[in-house]
Amino acid sequence: MKPAHSLREFDEYFKEEGIYYPSKSNTVFYLLRLFAFIIDIIILSLVMSIIAGVFFPASTQHLVNILTPKDAADMEKIVDQYKIAIIIGNLVLFVIINLYNALCEMSGMQGSIGKYALGLAVVDHSGYRLTFGHALKRNFWKLTYELPSIFIGPLAYILNLSMIWRPLHQAFHDQLSGCYIIKKTR
């Protein structure tokens, strides 16, 4: 007996219901995740810059003045002086970005704006859209490389390379949360 998701006659039904069962053929588009990430970073940067400029203009200008070093020695001094504030700022950005992702993943888009634009969706092991709790859990696990990245930089993202050789191309946080990124075409 074959599972229903593998039968062509059910394709339209599953598409209409927003159910995309993860398989080897629809999870091979893992490189599109990078482009989706770039789209999301551009969108979030623009939105947060506009919000900061409109609602917190004095603080934004002060931040720009602080973070505009004259040379490398000045940058070191700035980082040493504002180390705790930089870590807190990174954590605040992490929370904002993860709330954005969780809200988008539980919505009808089934992923961030970048993922949606590229035809990708975040689904659970049965192909269903994530609940808010499941989406939050998925994004929480990004801490496994986000926190170390503060201290060791881009090396922390090596964990994500596991998506290249994993059978269903899951990143580390997807493995921990039981999620898959699929291409919505059948």
C-alpha atoms as a PDB file:
ATOM      1  CA  MET A   1       0.000   0.000   0.000  1.00  0.00           C
ATOM      2  CA  LYS A   2       1.406   3.420  -1.002  1.00  0.00           C
ATOM      3  CA  PRO A   3       1.085   6.519   1.210  1.00  0.00           C
ATOM      4  CA  ALA A   4      -1.515   9.037  -0.039  1.00  0.00           C
ATOM      5  CA  HIS A   5       1.038  11.819  -0.451  1.00  0.00           C
ATOM      6  CA  SER A   6       2.861   9.774  -3.103  1.00  0.00           C
ATOM      7  CA  LEU A   7      -0.227   9.226  -5.301  1.00  0.00           C
ATOM      8  CA  ARG A   8      -0.564  11.691  -8.187  1.00  0.00           C
ATOM      9  CA  GLU A   9      -4.371  11.773  -7.957  1.00  0.00           C
ATOM     10  CA  PHE A  10      -4.074  13.479  -4.546  1.00  0.00           C
ATOM     11  CA  ASP A  11      -1.619  16.178  -5.678  1.00  0.00           C
ATOM     12  CA  GLU A  12      -4.233  18.888  -6.178  1.00  0.00           C
ATOM     13  CA  TYR A  13      -5.913  18.112  -2.860  1.00  0.00           C
ATOM     14  CA  PHE A  14      -2.641  18.352  -0.942  1.00  0.00           C
ATOM     15  CA  LYS A  15      -1.665  21.572  -2.766  1.00  0.00           C
ATOM     16  CA  GLU A  16      -5.013  23.190  -1.939  1.00  0.00           C
ATOM     17  CA  GLU A  17      -4.645  22.176   1.707  1.00  0.00           C
ATOM     18  CA  GLY A  18      -1.074  23.525   1.847  1.00  0.00           C
ATOM     19  CA  ILE A  19       0.360  20.101   2.629  1.00  0.00           C
ATOM     20  CA  TYR A  20       3.789  19.415   1.112  1.00  0.00           C
ATOM     21  CA  TYR A  21       5.209  16.131   2.336  1.00  0.00           C
ATOM     22  CA  PRO A  22       9.018  16.339   2.544  1.00  0.00           C
ATOM     23  CA  SER A  23      10.790  14.022   0.099  1.00  0.00           C
ATOM     24  CA  LYS A  24      14.195  13.760  -1.558  1.00  0.00           C
ATOM     25  CA  SER A  25      12.852  15.437  -4.690  1.00  0.00           C
ATOM     26  CA  ASN A  26      11.366  18.550  -3.041  1.00  0.00           C
ATOM     27  CA  THR A  27      14.078  19.220  -0.441  1.00  0.00           C
ATOM     28  CA  VAL A  28      17.045  19.418  -2.829  1.00  0.00           C
ATOM     29  CA  PHE A  29      16.663  23.171  -3.274  1.00  0.00           C
ATOM     30  CA  TYR A  30      18.700  23.988  -0.161  1.00  0.00           C
ATOM     31  CA  LEU A  31      20.796  26.615  -1.977  1.00  0.00           C
ATOM     32  CA  LEU A  32      17.641  28.700  -2.425  1.00  0.00           C
ATOM     33  CA  ARG A  33      17.656  29.115   1.368  1.00  0.00           C
ATOM     34  CA  LEU A  34      20.706  31.379   1.062  1.00  0.00           C
ATOM     35  CA  PHE A  35      18.913  33.646  -1.416  1.00  0.00           C
ATOM     36  CA  ALA A  36      15.805  33.665   0.780  1.00  0.00           C
ATOM     37  CA  PHE A  37      17.984  34.630   3.748  1.00  0.00           C
ATOM     38  CA  ILE A  38      19.503  37.515   1.763  1.00  0.00           C
ATOM     39  CA  ILE A  39      16.031  38.768   0.766  1.00  0.00           C
ATOM     40  CA  ASP A  40      14.881  38.592   4.399  1.00  0.00           C
ATOM     41  CA  ILE A  41      17.959  40.414   5.724  1.00  0.00           C
ATOM     42  CA  ILE A  42      17.433  43.229   3.211  1.00  0.00           C
ATOM     43  CA  ILE A  43      13.736  43.527   4.115  1.00  0.00           C
ATOM     44  CA  LEU A  44      14.341  43.368   7.878  1.00  0.00           C
ATOM     45  CA  SER A  45      17.229  45.856   7.669  1.00  0.00           C
ATOM     46  CA  LEU A  46      15.111  48.352   5.757  1.00  0.00           C
ATOM     47  CA  VAL A  47      12.095  47.971   8.047  1.00  0.00           C
ATOM     48  CA  MET A  48      14.141  48.205  11.256  1.00  0.00           C
ATOM     49  CA  SER A  49      16.089  51.198   9.904  1.00  0.00           C
ATOM     50  CA  ILE A  50      12.880  53.032   9.053  1.00  0.00           C
ATOM     51  CA  ILE A  51      11.320  52.221  12.434  1.00  0.00           C
ATOM     52  CA  ALA A  52      14.476  53.274  14.282  1.00  0.00           C
ATOM     53  CA  GLY A  53      14.756  56.490  12.262  1.00  0.00           C
ATOM     54  CA  VAL A  54      11.104  57.429  12.734  1.00  0.00           C
ATOM     55  CA  PHE A  55      10.568  56.432  16.373  1.00  0.00           C
ATOM     56  CA  PHE A  56      14.069  56.734  17.829  1.00  0.00           C
ATOM     57  CA  PRO A  57      15.921  59.346  15.741  1.00  0.00           C
ATOM     58  CA  ALA A  58      18.184  60.651  18.548  1.00  0.00           C
ATOM     59  CA  SER A  59      19.191  57.161  19.682  1.00  0.00           C
ATOM     60  CA  THR A  60      19.783  56.097  16.082  1.00  0.00           C
ATOM     61  CA  GLN A  61      22.049  59.082  15.431  1.00  0.00           C
ATOM     62  CA  HIS A  62      23.946  58.416  18.683  1.00  0.00           C
ATOM     63  CA  LEU A  63      24.433  54.785  17.642  1.00  0.00           C
ATOM     64  CA  VAL A  64      25.706  55.817  14.205  1.00  0.00           C
ATOM     65  CA  ASN A  65      28.190  58.228  15.845  1.00  0.00           C
ATOM     66  CA  ILE A  66      29.442  55.507  18.215  1.00  0.00           C
ATOM     67  CA  LEU A  67      29.742  52.817  15.543  1.00  0.00           C
ATOM     68  CA  THR A  68      31.613  54.936  13.013  1.00  0.00           C
ATOM     69  CA  PRO A  69      35.246  54.282  13.935  1.00  0.00           C
ATOM     70  CA  LYS A  70      38.114  56.402  12.671  1.00  0.00           C
ATOM     71  CA  ASP A  71      40.508  53.443  12.438  1.00  0.00           C
ATOM     72  CA  ALA A  72      41.019  49.861  13.681  1.00  0.00           C
ATOM     73  CA  ALA A  73      42.281  50.969  17.096  1.00  0.00           C
ATOM     74  CA  ASP A  74      39.189  53.140  17.521  1.00  0.00           C
ATOM     75  CA  MET A  75      36.997  50.156  16.599  1.00  0.00           C
ATOM     76  CA  GLU A  76      38.710  48.001  19.238  1.00  0.00           C
ATOM     77  CA  LYS A  77      38.087  50.700  21.836  1.00  0.00           C
ATOM     78  CA  ILE A  78      34.412  50.938  20.833  1.00  0.00           C
ATOM     79  CA  VAL A  79      33.956  47.142  21.024  1.00  0.00           C
ATOM     80  CA  ASP A  80      35.662  46.983  24.442  1.00  0.00           C
ATOM     81  CA  GLN A  81      33.634  49.902  25.788  1.00  0.00           C
ATOM     82  CA  TYR A  82      30.262  48.675  24.510  1.00  0.00           C
ATOM     83  CA  LYS A  83      30.800  44.887  24.664  1.00  0.00           C
ATOM     84  CA  ILE A  84      27.743  44.178  26.856  1.00  0.00           C
ATOM     85  CA  ALA A  85      25.538  46.546  24.835  1.00  0.00           C
ATOM     86  CA  ILE A  86      26.651  44.836  21.610  1.00  0.00           C
ATOM     87  CA  ILE A  87      25.809  41.392  23.013  1.00  0.00           C
ATOM     88  CA  ILE A  88      22.413  42.628  24.244  1.00  0.00           C
ATOM     89  CA  GLY A  89      21.787  44.269  20.866  1.00  0.00           C
ATOM     90  CA  ASN A  90      22.605  41.011  19.100  1.00  0.00           C
ATOM     91  CA  LEU A  91      20.210  39.118  21.365  1.00  0.00           C
ATOM     92  CA  VAL A  92      17.448  41.681  20.739  1.00  0.00           C
ATOM     93  CA  LEU A  93      17.993  41.323  16.976  1.00  0.00           C
ATOM     94  CA  PHE A  94      17.933  37.546  17.368  1.00  0.00           C
ATOM     95  CA  VAL A  95      14.555  37.736  19.140  1.00  0.00           C
ATOM     96  CA  ILE A  96      13.096  40.122  16.524  1.00  0.00           C
ATOM     97  CA  ILE A  97      14.318  38.016  13.597  1.00  0.00           C
ATOM     98  CA  ASN A  98      13.093  34.785  15.174  1.00  0.00           C
ATOM     99  CA  LEU A  99       9.662  36.229  15.970  1.00  0.00           C
ATOM    100  CA  TYR A 100       9.441  37.427  12.363  1.00  0.00           C
ATOM    101  CA  ASN A 101      10.381  33.945  11.116  1.00  0.00           C
ATOM    102  CA  ALA A 102       8.042  32.123  13.525  1.00  0.00           C
ATOM    103  CA  LEU A 103       5.076  34.361  12.645  1.00  0.00           C
ATOM    104  CA  CYS A 104       5.729  33.931   8.915  1.00  0.00           C
ATOM    105  CA  GLU A 105       6.244  30.160   9.204  1.00  0.00           C
ATOM    106  CA  MET A 106       2.934  29.635  10.997  1.00  0.00           C
ATOM    107  CA  SER A 107       1.090  31.873   8.525  1.00  0.00           C
ATOM    108  CA  GLY A 108      -0.315  30.836   5.164  1.00  0.00           C
ATOM    109  CA  MET A 109       3.038  31.756   3.589  1.00  0.00           C
ATOM    110  CA  GLN A 110       4.628  28.847   5.512  1.00  0.00           C
ATOM    111  CA  GLY A 111       7.939  30.685   5.611  1.00  0.00           C
ATOM    112  CA  SER A 112       9.591  34.075   5.630  1.00  0.00           C
ATOM    113  CA  ILE A 113       8.960  36.563   2.828  1.00  0.00           C
ATOM    114  CA  GLY A 114      12.204  35.447   1.169  1.00  0.00           C
ATOM    115  CA  LYS A 115      11.220  31.777   1.314  1.00  0.00           C
ATOM    116  CA  TYR A 116       7.718  32.574   0.064  1.00  0.00           C
ATOM    117  CA  ALA A 117       9.091  34.633  -2.843  1.00  0.00           C
ATOM    118  CA  LEU A 118      11.278  31.702  -3.902  1.00  0.00           C
ATOM    119  CA  GLY A 119       8.512  29.097  -3.568  1.00  0.00           C
ATOM    120  CA  LEU A 120       9.876  27.468  -0.410  1.00  0.00           C
ATOM    121  CA  ALA A 121       7.882  26.416   2.643  1.00  0.00           C
ATOM    122  CA  VAL A 122       8.715  25.255   6.162  1.00  0.00           C
ATOM    123  CA  VAL A 123       6.792  22.107   7.084  1.00  0.00           C
ATOM    124  CA  ASP A 124       6.727  19.466   9.797  1.00  0.00           C
ATOM    125  CA  HIS A 125       7.438  15.762   9.196  1.00  0.00           C
ATOM    126  CA  SER A 126       3.892  15.232   7.849  1.00  0.00           C
ATOM    127  CA  GLY A 127       4.049  18.146   5.412  1.00  0.00           C
ATOM    128  CA  TYR A 128       1.804  20.472   7.430  1.00  0.00           C
ATOM    129  CA  ARG A 129       2.342  24.129   8.225  1.00  0.00           C
ATOM    130  CA  LEU A 130       3.997  24.715  11.591  1.00  0.00           C
ATOM    131  CA  THR A 131       2.145  25.910  14.665  1.00  0.00           C
ATOM    132  CA  PHE A 132       3.525  29.020  16.367  1.00  0.00           C
ATOM    133  CA  GLY A 133       5.067  26.875  19.108  1.00  0.00           C
ATOM    134  CA  HIS A 134       6.748  24.560  16.629  1.00  0.00           C
ATOM    135  CA  ALA A 135       8.015  27.516  14.567  1.00  0.00           C
ATOM    136  CA  LEU A 136       9.357  29.169  17.727  1.00  0.00           C
ATOM    137  CA  LYS A 137      11.097  25.923  18.687  1.00  0.00           C
ATOM    138  CA  ARG A 138      12.676  25.694  15.225  1.00  0.00           C
ATOM    139  CA  ASN A 139      13.981  29.237  15.459  1.00  0.00           C
ATOM    140  CA  PHE A 140      15.096  28.816  19.081  1.00  0.00           C
ATOM    141  CA  TRP A 141      17.454  26.033  17.969  1.00  0.00           C
ATOM    142  CA  LYS A 142      19.262  28.577  15.776  1.00  0.00           C
ATOM    143  CA  LEU A 143      20.934  29.574  19.040  1.00  0.00           C
ATOM    144  CA  THR A 144      23.191  26.526  18.549  1.00  0.00           C
ATOM    145  CA  TYR A 145      25.182  28.590  16.056  1.00  0.00           C
ATOM    146  CA  GLU A 146      24.028  32.185  16.659  1.00  0.00           C
ATOM    147  CA  LEU A 147      25.491  32.410  20.176  1.00  0.00           C
ATOM    148  CA  PRO A 148      28.857  30.908  19.233  1.00  0.00           C
ATOM    149  CA  SER A 149      28.982  33.258  16.209  1.00  0.00           C
ATOM    150  CA  ILE A 150      29.308  36.210  18.612  1.00  0.00           C
ATOM    151  CA  PHE A 151      32.598  34.749  19.814  1.00  0.00           C
ATOM    152  CA  ILE A 152      34.006  32.772  16.869  1.00  0.00           C
ATOM    153  CA  GLY A 153      32.319  34.486  13.933  1.00  0.00           C
ATOM    154  CA  PRO A 154      31.233  32.694  10.762  1.00  0.00           C
ATOM    155  CA  LEU A 155      32.869  29.418  11.838  1.00  0.00           C
ATOM    156  CA  ALA A 156      29.802  28.809  14.001  1.00  0.00           C
ATOM    157  CA  TYR A 157      27.672  28.368  10.881  1.00  0.00           C
ATOM    158  CA  ILE A 158      29.530  25.200   9.847  1.00  0.00           C
ATOM    159  CA  LEU A 159      26.740  23.240  11.568  1.00  0.00           C
ATOM    160  CA  ASN A 160      24.428  24.353   8.763  1.00  0.00           C
ATOM    161  CA  LEU A 161      26.570  22.616   6.171  1.00  0.00           C
ATOM    162  CA  SER A 162      24.986  19.357   7.329  1.00  0.00           C
ATOM    163  CA  MET A 163      22.064  20.212   5.040  1.00  0.00           C
ATOM    164  CA  ILE A 164      24.260  19.330   2.052  1.00  0.00           C
ATOM    165  CA  TRP A 165      24.701  15.647   2.933  1.00  0.00           C
ATOM    166  CA  ARG A 166      21.573  14.951   4.993  1.00  0.00           C
ATOM    167  CA  PRO A 167      19.022  12.844   3.020  1.00  0.00           C
ATOM    168  CA  LEU A 168      16.285  15.499   3.261  1.00  0.00           C
ATOM    169  CA  HIS A 169      18.695  18.459   3.425  1.00  0.00           C
ATOM    170  CA  GLN A 170      17.863  19.670   6.925  1.00  0.00           C
ATOM    171  CA  ALA A 171      19.973  22.328   8.609  1.00  0.00           C
ATOM    172  CA  PHE A 172      21.022  21.571  12.179  1.00  0.00           C
ATOM    173  CA  HIS A 173      18.135  23.560  13.730  1.00  0.00           C
ATOM    174  CA  ASP A 174      15.685  21.792  11.391  1.00  0.00           C
ATOM    175  CA  GLN A 175      16.988  18.399  12.511  1.00  0.00           C
ATOM    176  CA  LEU A 176      16.576  19.334  16.173  1.00  0.00           C
ATOM    177  CA  SER A 177      13.020  20.594  15.640  1.00  0.00           C
ATOM    178  CA  GLY A 178      11.784  18.039  13.095  1.00  0.00           C
ATOM    179  CA  CYS A 179      11.210  20.583  10.300  1.00  0.00           C
ATOM    180  CA  TYR A 180      11.914  20.590   6.585  1.00  0.00           C
ATOM    181  CA  ILE A 181      12.283  23.267   3.936  1.00  0.00           C
ATOM    182  CA  ILE A 182      10.591  22.151   0.741  1.00  0.00           C
ATOM    183  CA  LYS A 183       9.984  23.568  -2.714  1.00  0.00           C
ATOM    184  CA  LYS A 184       6.234  23.903  -3.210  1.00  0.00           C
ATOM    185  CA  THR A 185       6.206  22.432  -6.713  1.00  0.00           C
ATOM    186  CA  ARG A 186       5.128  18.821  -7.188  1.00  0.00           C
END
